[in-house]
Amino acid sequence: MIGWYFDIVVGFLIRTVVRFVKIRSSKTWPVEKGTISSATCPTAVYGGPVAELGYTYIHKGEYYSGVHRKAFMLRGSAEDYVSRIVMGTQIAVRVKPTQPETSVVAVDE
């Protein structure tokens, strides 16, 4: 029982640190308007529950898509987060200038 809980806590912390690093490293990237196209709560192989938001964006006239993953400690919290997402909602997306297929959601919804 403790091993399972430890796995969730460690996974949550790792995902949170990775998210922080991505946000920090993308601060100078241009911001585009993205549109949420999907919201799911898939079963995570490791590290606890995660919510996934699919989104699309246009950068210099080209269409791109990305996935934003948000870690949770409880599956119910992830499912609640996903249930509040409205498809078609616009979000701020930071786009890597040299690789526009690489993007980061600027602020969590």
C-alpha atoms as a PDB file:
ATOM      1  CA  MET A   1       0.000   0.000   0.000  1.00  0.00           C
ATOM      2  CA  ILE A   2       2.758   2.460   0.890  1.00  0.00           C
ATOM      3  CA  GLY A   3       4.662   1.641  -2.318  1.00  0.00           C
ATOM      4  CA  TRP A   4       1.644   2.570  -4.429  1.00  0.00           C
ATOM      5  CA  TYR A   5       1.170   5.891  -2.634  1.00  0.00           C
ATOM      6  CA  PHE A   6       4.904   6.620  -2.853  1.00  0.00           C
ATOM      7  CA  ASP A   7       4.747   6.017  -6.630  1.00  0.00           C
ATOM      8  CA  ILE A   8       1.920   8.545  -6.970  1.00  0.00           C
ATOM      9  CA  VAL A   9       3.677  11.210  -4.881  1.00  0.00           C
ATOM     10  CA  VAL A  10       7.001  10.792  -6.691  1.00  0.00           C
ATOM     11  CA  GLY A  11       5.265  10.800 -10.091  1.00  0.00           C
ATOM     12  CA  PHE A  12       3.330  13.928  -9.186  1.00  0.00           C
ATOM     13  CA  LEU A  13       6.493  15.714  -8.059  1.00  0.00           C
ATOM     14  CA  ILE A  14       8.431  14.708 -11.181  1.00  0.00           C
ATOM     15  CA  ARG A  15       5.627  15.855 -13.497  1.00  0.00           C
ATOM     16  CA  THR A  16       5.353  19.136 -11.588  1.00  0.00           C
ATOM     17  CA  VAL A  17       9.089  19.816 -11.856  1.00  0.00           C
ATOM     18  CA  VAL A  18       9.121  18.952 -15.573  1.00  0.00           C
ATOM     19  CA  ARG A  19       6.179  21.323 -16.127  1.00  0.00           C
ATOM     20  CA  PHE A  20       7.978  24.094 -14.224  1.00  0.00           C
ATOM     21  CA  VAL A  21      11.133  23.630 -16.334  1.00  0.00           C
ATOM     22  CA  LYS A  22       9.131  23.705 -19.590  1.00  0.00           C
ATOM     23  CA  ILE A  23       7.328  26.899 -18.582  1.00  0.00           C
ATOM     24  CA  ARG A  24      10.543  28.558 -17.466  1.00  0.00           C
ATOM     25  CA  SER A  25      12.467  27.635 -20.619  1.00  0.00           C
ATOM     26  CA  SER A  26       9.661  28.877 -22.886  1.00  0.00           C
ATOM     27  CA  LYS A  27       9.245  32.354 -21.353  1.00  0.00           C
ATOM     28  CA  THR A  28      10.751  34.097 -24.403  1.00  0.00           C
ATOM     29  CA  TRP A  29       8.782  32.110 -26.993  1.00  0.00           C
ATOM     30  CA  PRO A  30       5.988  33.926 -28.844  1.00  0.00           C
ATOM     31  CA  VAL A  31       2.446  33.367 -27.633  1.00  0.00           C
ATOM     32  CA  GLU A  32      -0.269  32.120 -29.994  1.00  0.00           C
ATOM     33  CA  LYS A  33      -3.961  31.481 -29.408  1.00  0.00           C
ATOM     34  CA  GLY A  34      -4.681  27.799 -29.025  1.00  0.00           C
ATOM     35  CA  THR A  35      -8.027  26.032 -29.026  1.00  0.00           C
ATOM     36  CA  ILE A  36      -8.846  23.083 -26.778  1.00  0.00           C
ATOM     37  CA  SER A  37      -9.877  20.135 -28.940  1.00  0.00           C
ATOM     38  CA  SER A  38     -10.014  17.272 -26.423  1.00  0.00           C
ATOM     39  CA  ALA A  39      -9.937  16.576 -22.699  1.00  0.00           C
ATOM     40  CA  THR A  40      -9.314  13.110 -21.300  1.00  0.00           C
ATOM     41  CA  CYS A  41      -8.204  11.419 -18.132  1.00  0.00           C
ATOM     42  CA  PRO A  42      -6.302   8.341 -19.345  1.00  0.00           C
ATOM     43  CA  THR A  43      -5.068   5.659 -17.001  1.00  0.00           C
ATOM     44  CA  ALA A  44      -1.456   6.469 -16.213  1.00  0.00           C
ATOM     45  CA  VAL A  45       1.067   3.651 -16.449  1.00  0.00           C
ATOM     46  CA  TYR A  46       3.016   5.146 -13.555  1.00  0.00           C
ATOM     47  CA  GLY A  47       3.073   8.204 -11.330  1.00  0.00           C
ATOM     48  CA  GLY A  48      -0.594   8.696 -10.576  1.00  0.00           C
ATOM     49  CA  PRO A  49      -3.500  10.342 -12.379  1.00  0.00           C
ATOM     50  CA  VAL A  50      -3.038  12.814 -15.184  1.00  0.00           C
ATOM     51  CA  ALA A  51      -5.419  14.963 -17.223  1.00  0.00           C
ATOM     52  CA  GLU A  52      -4.634  15.520 -20.900  1.00  0.00           C
ATOM     53  CA  LEU A  53      -5.836  18.460 -22.937  1.00  0.00           C
ATOM     54  CA  GLY A  54      -5.406  18.302 -26.678  1.00  0.00           C
ATOM     55  CA  TYR A  55      -5.127  21.637 -28.427  1.00  0.00           C
ATOM     56  CA  THR A  56      -4.499  23.128 -31.852  1.00  0.00           C
ATOM     57  CA  TYR A  57      -2.856  26.388 -32.822  1.00  0.00           C
ATOM     58  CA  ILE A  58      -1.751  28.303 -35.885  1.00  0.00           C
ATOM     59  CA  HIS A  59       1.794  29.647 -36.166  1.00  0.00           C
ATOM     60  CA  LYS A  60       2.792  31.628 -39.265  1.00  0.00           C
ATOM     61  CA  GLY A  61      -0.189  30.273 -41.174  1.00  0.00           C
ATOM     62  CA  GLU A  62       0.501  26.600 -40.397  1.00  0.00           C
ATOM     63  CA  TYR A  63      -1.687  24.370 -38.193  1.00  0.00           C
ATOM     64  CA  TYR A  64      -0.121  22.472 -35.288  1.00  0.00           C
ATOM     65  CA  SER A  65      -1.372  20.470 -32.339  1.00  0.00           C
ATOM     66  CA  GLY A  66      -0.122  19.641 -28.882  1.00  0.00           C
ATOM     67  CA  VAL A  67      -1.019  17.884 -25.650  1.00  0.00           C
ATOM     68  CA  HIS A  68      -0.950  19.480 -22.228  1.00  0.00           C
ATOM     69  CA  ARG A  69      -0.602  17.061 -19.317  1.00  0.00           C
ATOM     70  CA  LYS A  70      -1.481  18.043 -15.768  1.00  0.00           C
ATOM     71  CA  ALA A  71      -0.619  15.796 -12.822  1.00  0.00           C
ATOM     72  CA  PHE A  72      -2.982  15.084  -9.936  1.00  0.00           C
ATOM     73  CA  MET A  73      -2.757  13.153  -6.688  1.00  0.00           C
ATOM     74  CA  LEU A  74      -6.281  11.705  -6.950  1.00  0.00           C
ATOM     75  CA  ARG A  75      -8.048  10.320 -10.011  1.00  0.00           C
ATOM     76  CA  GLY A  76     -11.280  12.032  -8.940  1.00  0.00           C
ATOM     77  CA  SER A  77      -9.531  15.411  -9.027  1.00  0.00           C
ATOM     78  CA  ALA A  78      -8.225  14.755 -12.547  1.00  0.00           C
ATOM     79  CA  GLU A  79     -11.684  13.660 -13.714  1.00  0.00           C
ATOM     80  CA  ASP A  80     -13.267  16.767 -12.146  1.00  0.00           C
ATOM     81  CA  TYR A  81     -10.717  19.006 -13.898  1.00  0.00           C
ATOM     82  CA  VAL A  82     -11.442  17.357 -17.257  1.00  0.00           C
ATOM     83  CA  SER A  83     -15.219  17.603 -16.746  1.00  0.00           C
ATOM     84  CA  ARG A  84     -14.963  21.404 -16.393  1.00  0.00           C
ATOM     85  CA  ILE A  85     -13.097  21.875 -19.693  1.00  0.00           C
ATOM     86  CA  VAL A  86     -15.164  23.353 -22.516  1.00  0.00           C
ATOM     87  CA  MET A  87     -14.173  22.238 -26.001  1.00  0.00           C
ATOM     88  CA  GLY A  88     -13.311  25.190 -28.215  1.00  0.00           C
ATOM     89  CA  THR A  89     -12.044  27.330 -25.340  1.00  0.00           C
ATOM     90  CA  GLN A  90      -9.049  29.465 -26.299  1.00  0.00           C
ATOM     91  CA  ILE A  91      -5.801  29.119 -24.358  1.00  0.00           C
ATOM     92  CA  ALA A  92      -2.410  30.809 -24.520  1.00  0.00           C
ATOM     93  CA  VAL A  93       0.246  28.613 -26.116  1.00  0.00           C
ATOM     94  CA  ARG A  94       3.956  29.405 -26.215  1.00  0.00           C
ATOM     95  CA  VAL A  95       5.543  28.228 -29.486  1.00  0.00           C
ATOM     96  CA  LYS A  96       9.248  27.472 -29.948  1.00  0.00           C
ATOM     97  CA  PRO A  97      10.348  29.776 -32.804  1.00  0.00           C
ATOM     98  CA  THR A  98      12.821  27.323 -34.351  1.00  0.00           C
ATOM     99  CA  GLN A  99      10.504  24.304 -33.954  1.00  0.00           C
ATOM    100  CA  PRO A 100       6.886  25.471 -34.154  1.00  0.00           C
ATOM    101  CA  GLU A 101       5.655  21.913 -33.590  1.00  0.00           C
ATOM    102  CA  THR A 102       6.992  22.301 -30.029  1.00  0.00           C
ATOM    103  CA  SER A 103       4.644  24.211 -27.751  1.00  0.00           C
ATOM    104  CA  VAL A 104       3.736  24.680 -24.096  1.00  0.00           C
ATOM    105  CA  VAL A 105       0.431  25.822 -22.626  1.00  0.00           C
ATOM    106  CA  ALA A 106       1.371  29.143 -21.057  1.00  0.00           C
ATOM    107  CA  VAL A 107      -1.120  28.999 -18.163  1.00  0.00           C
ATOM    108  CA  ASP A 108      -3.128  26.087 -16.787  1.00  0.00           C
ATOM    109  CA  GLU A 109      -6.835  26.268 -17.475  1.00  0.00           C
END
